[in-house]
Amino acid sequence: MDRMLYIAMTGGREIMNSQAVNTNNLANASTTGFRADLESFTSIPVWGDVHPDRVYAAAEGMGVDLSGGAIRSTGRDLDVAIKGDGWIAVQAPDGSEAYTRAGDLRVDAFGILTTGAGYPVLGEGGPIAVPPNGKLTIGADGTITVQPLGQGANALAIVDRIKLVNPPGSALIKGEEGLMRMPGGGQAEADAGVTLASGALESSNVNAVESMVRMIELARQFEMQVKMMKTAEDNDRAAAKLMSMS
């Protein structure tokens, strides 16, 4: 009985963990540039002194779904979407370099170019500082051009260039805040082949319908594990009753 109970218990526990991953994906179905987390189940033997005497279930992270989301036009000058593969380099809260597909850019109160989540966008020499201007445009190669205040439409100045990178997807690790990083705190080299589409944003690659179906499947699997635990309890009670009769 205890083996049956152990398997059902670990299965239920890992289904709850899987449900948390799926719920997080679903909650970010409308988050700009979000990449869905992947997971799967596996069985792992628990070794005793000689042979494995138990098997438990475990939910394993399989990385991140790097497929692209839909690109939608916004018409906003500071909105950019990456065409094809690539990432925008930003400064993570711990000061390290990280990468995102979220191109909902804005200039904060200190003149720093940031993403909608508040991460400073990195240029050729660190976070990009934007001077007061009458108009700001972002080129396909990430070059930021401004029209200085009080100057004519032809008086344009190049401020910086957004660092765009394209490391192999297998080399990236997703952090808890949703940013991608190189292993060991490394930094990817800038890639001139990555291009931007101005006035557009990339939506999340989460399929809301599939996530809802997955949520129902996980709920039913959890119910099955609970029923297995109840069956183990009933069997144990019946066995104890038989032993007392003898």
Protein backbone atom coordinates (compact mmCIF):
# COMPACT_ATOMS: atom_id res chain seq x y z
CA MET A 1 0.00 0.00 0.00
CA ASP A 2 2.75 2.42 0.93
CA ARG A 3 4.33 2.16 -2.53
CA MET A 4 1.01 2.90 -4.20
CA LEU A 5 0.44 5.83 -1.88
CA TYR A 6 3.96 7.16 -2.45
CA ILE A 7 3.60 7.11 -6.23
CA ALA A 8 0.19 8.81 -6.09
CA MET A 9 1.43 11.43 -3.63
CA THR A 10 4.50 12.39 -5.66
CA GLY A 11 2.43 12.40 -8.83
CA GLY A 12 -0.10 14.80 -7.30
CA ARG A 13 2.67 17.04 -5.99
CA GLU A 14 4.37 17.33 -9.37
CA ILE A 15 1.06 17.91 -11.16
CA MET A 16 0.57 20.92 -8.89
CA ASN A 17 4.02 22.19 -9.92
CA SER A 18 3.13 21.68 -13.57
CA GLN A 19 -0.13 23.53 -13.04
CA ALA A 20 1.83 26.48 -11.64
CA VAL A 21 3.98 26.61 -14.80
CA ASN A 22 0.93 26.42 -17.04
CA THR A 23 -0.89 29.07 -15.01
CA ASN A 24 2.08 31.41 -15.31
CA ASN A 25 2.12 30.92 -19.08
CA LEU A 26 -1.60 31.62 -19.30
CA ALA A 27 -1.26 34.73 -17.13
CA ASN A 28 1.31 36.06 -19.61
CA ALA A 29 -0.71 35.33 -22.75
CA SER A 30 -0.97 39.08 -23.37
CA THR A 31 2.54 40.04 -22.17
CA THR A 32 4.64 41.62 -24.92
CA GLY A 33 7.41 39.32 -26.15
CA PHE A 34 6.77 36.63 -23.53
CA ARG A 35 8.18 33.14 -24.15
CA ALA A 36 6.31 30.16 -22.68
CA ASP A 37 7.99 27.76 -20.27
CA LEU A 38 8.01 24.05 -21.13
CA GLU A 39 7.80 21.07 -18.77
CA SER A 40 7.29 17.30 -18.77
CA PHE A 41 6.95 14.39 -16.35
CA THR A 42 9.37 11.56 -15.71
CA SER A 43 9.62 8.63 -13.27
CA ILE A 44 12.73 8.29 -11.12
CA PRO A 45 13.62 5.22 -9.02
CA VAL A 46 14.42 5.66 -5.34
CA TRP A 47 17.38 3.40 -4.56
CA GLY A 48 17.56 1.43 -1.34
CA ASP A 49 20.53 -0.51 -0.01
CA VAL A 50 20.59 -2.79 -3.05
CA HIS A 51 17.66 -2.24 -5.39
CA PRO A 52 15.24 0.62 -6.01
CA ASP A 53 12.23 0.06 -3.74
CA ARG A 54 10.20 3.11 -4.78
CA VAL A 55 9.51 5.13 -7.89
CA TYR A 56 8.44 8.75 -7.73
CA ALA A 57 7.16 11.18 -10.34
CA ALA A 58 8.96 14.43 -11.11
CA ALA A 59 8.11 17.41 -13.28
CA GLU A 60 11.15 18.51 -15.27
CA GLY A 61 11.66 21.86 -16.92
CA MET A 62 12.37 21.46 -20.62
CA GLY A 63 13.47 25.03 -21.21
CA VAL A 64 11.61 27.71 -23.10
CA ASP A 65 9.45 27.75 -26.20
CA LEU A 66 11.42 30.12 -28.44
CA SER A 67 8.90 30.21 -31.28
CA GLY A 68 7.90 33.70 -32.34
CA GLY A 69 4.73 35.52 -31.44
CA ALA A 70 2.54 37.53 -33.79
CA ILE A 71 3.75 41.01 -34.72
CA ARG A 72 1.08 43.70 -34.52
CA SER A 73 1.33 47.29 -35.68
CA THR A 74 0.94 50.02 -33.05
CA GLY A 75 2.14 53.13 -34.88
CA ARG A 76 4.03 54.26 -31.76
CA ASP A 77 7.56 55.56 -32.47
CA LEU A 78 9.14 53.82 -29.46
CA ASP A 79 7.58 50.42 -30.14
CA VAL A 80 9.89 47.96 -31.90
CA ALA A 81 9.62 44.27 -32.79
CA ILE A 82 12.48 42.00 -33.79
CA LYS A 83 12.14 40.48 -37.24
CA GLY A 84 12.94 36.78 -37.01
CA ASP A 85 15.56 35.63 -34.52
CA GLY A 86 17.34 37.88 -32.07
CA TRP A 87 17.06 39.67 -28.73
CA ILE A 88 17.26 43.17 -27.27
CA ALA A 89 19.98 43.54 -24.64
CA VAL A 90 18.86 45.06 -21.34
CA GLN A 91 20.27 45.56 -17.87
CA ALA A 92 18.78 43.16 -15.33
CA PRO A 93 17.97 44.27 -11.76
CA ASP A 94 21.25 42.74 -10.53
CA GLY A 95 23.23 44.81 -13.05
CA SER A 96 24.02 41.91 -15.38
CA GLU A 97 23.26 41.78 -19.09
CA ALA A 98 20.07 40.01 -20.07
CA TYR A 99 17.88 39.70 -23.16
CA THR A 100 14.24 40.25 -24.02
CA ARG A 101 11.88 40.36 -26.99
CA ALA A 102 9.70 43.03 -25.38
CA GLY A 103 10.09 46.15 -27.51
CA ASP A 104 7.60 48.41 -25.70
CA LEU A 105 10.26 51.05 -25.05
CA ARG A 106 9.93 54.35 -23.24
CA VAL A 107 12.12 57.10 -21.77
CA ASP A 108 11.96 57.37 -17.97
CA ALA A 109 12.15 60.52 -15.84
CA PHE A 110 15.96 60.38 -15.88
CA GLY A 111 16.18 60.19 -19.67
CA ILE A 112 17.09 56.45 -19.71
CA LEU A 113 15.58 54.29 -22.44
CA THR A 114 13.83 51.34 -20.79
CA THR A 115 11.44 48.54 -21.62
CA GLY A 116 7.86 48.64 -20.42
CA ALA A 117 8.93 46.55 -17.42
CA GLY A 118 11.55 49.18 -16.49
CA TYR A 119 14.75 47.41 -17.59
CA PRO A 120 17.33 49.85 -19.06
CA VAL A 121 18.06 49.13 -22.72
CA LEU A 122 21.76 48.65 -23.47
CA GLY A 123 23.61 50.40 -26.25
CA GLU A 124 27.23 50.38 -27.38
CA GLY A 125 28.48 51.68 -24.04
CA GLY A 126 25.87 50.68 -21.48
CA PRO A 127 22.36 51.95 -20.72
CA ILE A 128 21.12 54.37 -23.35
CA ALA A 129 20.55 57.98 -22.19
CA VAL A 130 18.25 60.03 -24.41
CA PRO A 131 18.60 63.84 -24.38
CA PRO A 132 15.53 66.10 -24.47
CA ASN A 133 14.18 66.05 -27.99
CA GLY A 134 11.29 66.94 -30.22
CA LYS A 135 11.19 63.58 -31.99
CA LEU A 136 12.85 60.20 -31.57
CA THR A 137 13.11 57.45 -34.16
CA ILE A 138 14.61 53.96 -34.04
CA GLY A 139 16.09 52.52 -37.23
CA ALA A 140 15.95 48.93 -38.42
CA ASP A 141 19.50 48.37 -37.13
CA GLY A 142 18.67 49.80 -33.69
CA THR A 143 20.18 53.25 -34.31
CA ILE A 144 18.43 55.90 -32.21
CA THR A 145 18.11 59.31 -33.83
CA VAL A 146 16.63 62.42 -32.21
CA GLN A 147 15.66 65.89 -33.30
CA PRO A 148 17.14 68.20 -30.62
CA LEU A 149 14.76 70.64 -28.98
CA GLY A 150 14.58 73.96 -30.78
CA GLN A 151 16.20 72.57 -33.93
CA GLY A 152 14.71 72.15 -37.38
CA ALA A 153 13.42 68.89 -38.79
CA ASN A 154 16.71 68.35 -40.66
CA ALA A 155 18.89 68.81 -37.55
CA LEU A 156 19.11 65.17 -36.50
CA ALA A 157 21.57 63.63 -34.07
CA ILE A 158 22.45 59.97 -33.52
CA VAL A 159 22.28 59.14 -29.81
CA ASP A 160 23.28 55.48 -29.65
CA ARG A 161 22.51 52.08 -31.10
CA ILE A 162 20.52 49.39 -29.33
CA LYS A 163 22.55 46.25 -28.72
CA LEU A 164 20.88 43.46 -30.66
CA VAL A 165 22.15 39.91 -30.21
CA ASN A 166 21.36 36.49 -31.61
CA PRO A 167 22.98 33.72 -29.50
CA PRO A 168 21.88 30.10 -30.04
CA GLY A 169 18.63 29.35 -28.27
CA SER A 170 20.25 26.38 -26.52
CA ALA A 171 22.74 28.77 -24.91
CA LEU A 172 20.09 30.85 -23.14
CA ILE A 173 18.60 30.37 -19.68
CA LYS A 174 15.37 32.01 -18.56
CA GLY A 175 15.35 33.80 -15.22
CA GLU A 176 12.46 34.12 -12.79
CA GLU A 177 11.73 37.66 -14.00
CA GLY A 178 11.32 36.41 -17.56
CA LEU A 179 14.63 37.68 -18.94
CA MET A 180 17.00 35.41 -20.86
CA ARG A 181 20.67 35.12 -19.91
CA MET A 182 23.87 33.49 -21.06
CA PRO A 183 25.18 30.73 -18.76
CA GLY A 184 27.66 31.86 -16.14
CA GLY A 185 26.83 35.53 -16.59
CA GLY A 186 28.40 35.74 -20.05
CA GLN A 187 27.54 38.36 -22.64
CA ALA A 188 26.52 37.73 -26.23
CA GLU A 189 28.19 39.62 -29.05
CA ALA A 190 26.19 42.23 -30.95
CA ASP A 191 24.81 40.87 -34.22
CA ALA A 192 24.36 43.26 -37.14
CA GLY A 193 22.06 40.72 -38.81
CA VAL A 194 19.26 41.32 -36.27
CA THR A 195 16.76 43.90 -37.50
CA LEU A 196 13.84 45.77 -35.97
CA ALA A 197 10.40 46.76 -37.20
CA SER A 198 9.44 50.20 -35.89
CA GLY A 199 5.93 51.02 -34.74
CA ALA A 200 5.14 47.37 -33.94
CA LEU A 201 5.21 44.92 -31.03
CA GLU A 202 5.57 41.16 -30.79
CA SER A 203 2.88 39.48 -28.74
CA SER A 204 3.32 36.49 -26.43
CA ASN A 205 3.79 33.08 -28.04
CA VAL A 206 1.42 31.48 -25.50
CA ASN A 207 -1.64 29.84 -27.06
CA ALA A 208 -4.39 30.67 -24.58
CA VAL A 209 -6.73 27.91 -25.82
CA GLU A 210 -4.05 25.22 -25.53
CA SER A 211 -3.13 26.46 -22.06
CA MET A 212 -6.77 26.28 -20.93
CA VAL A 213 -7.07 22.73 -22.26
CA ARG A 214 -3.82 21.83 -20.51
CA MET A 215 -5.18 23.27 -17.27
CA ILE A 216 -8.24 21.00 -17.49
CA GLU A 217 -6.05 17.97 -18.24
CA LEU A 218 -3.84 18.65 -15.23
CA ALA A 219 -6.86 19.13 -12.97
CA ARG A 220 -8.23 15.73 -14.03
CA GLN A 221 -4.83 14.08 -13.54
CA PHE A 222 -4.64 15.55 -10.03
CA GLU A 223 -8.11 14.18 -9.24
CA MET A 224 -6.95 10.75 -10.41
CA GLN A 225 -3.94 10.87 -8.07
CA VAL A 226 -6.19 11.84 -5.15
CA LYS A 227 -8.49 8.90 -5.95
CA MET A 228 -5.44 6.60 -5.97
CA MET A 229 -4.47 7.86 -2.52
CA LYS A 230 -8.02 7.26 -1.28
CA THR A 231 -7.95 3.74 -2.76
CA ALA A 232 -4.65 3.04 -0.98
CA GLU A 233 -6.22 4.24 2.28
CA ASP A 234 -9.26 2.00 1.78
CA ASN A 235 -7.07 -1.00 0.97
CA ASP A 236 -4.97 -0.38 4.05
CA ARG A 237 -8.07 -0.13 6.23
CA ALA A 238 -9.46 -3.37 4.75
CA ALA A 239 -6.15 -5.18 5.31
CA ALA A 240 -5.99 -3.95 8.90
CA LYS A 241 -9.55 -5.22 9.49
CA LEU A 242 -8.66 -8.66 8.11
CA MET A 243 -5.59 -8.83 10.34
CA SER A 244 -7.63 -7.95 13.41
CA MET A 245 -10.12 -10.71 12.63
CA SER A 246 -7.37 -13.28 12.51
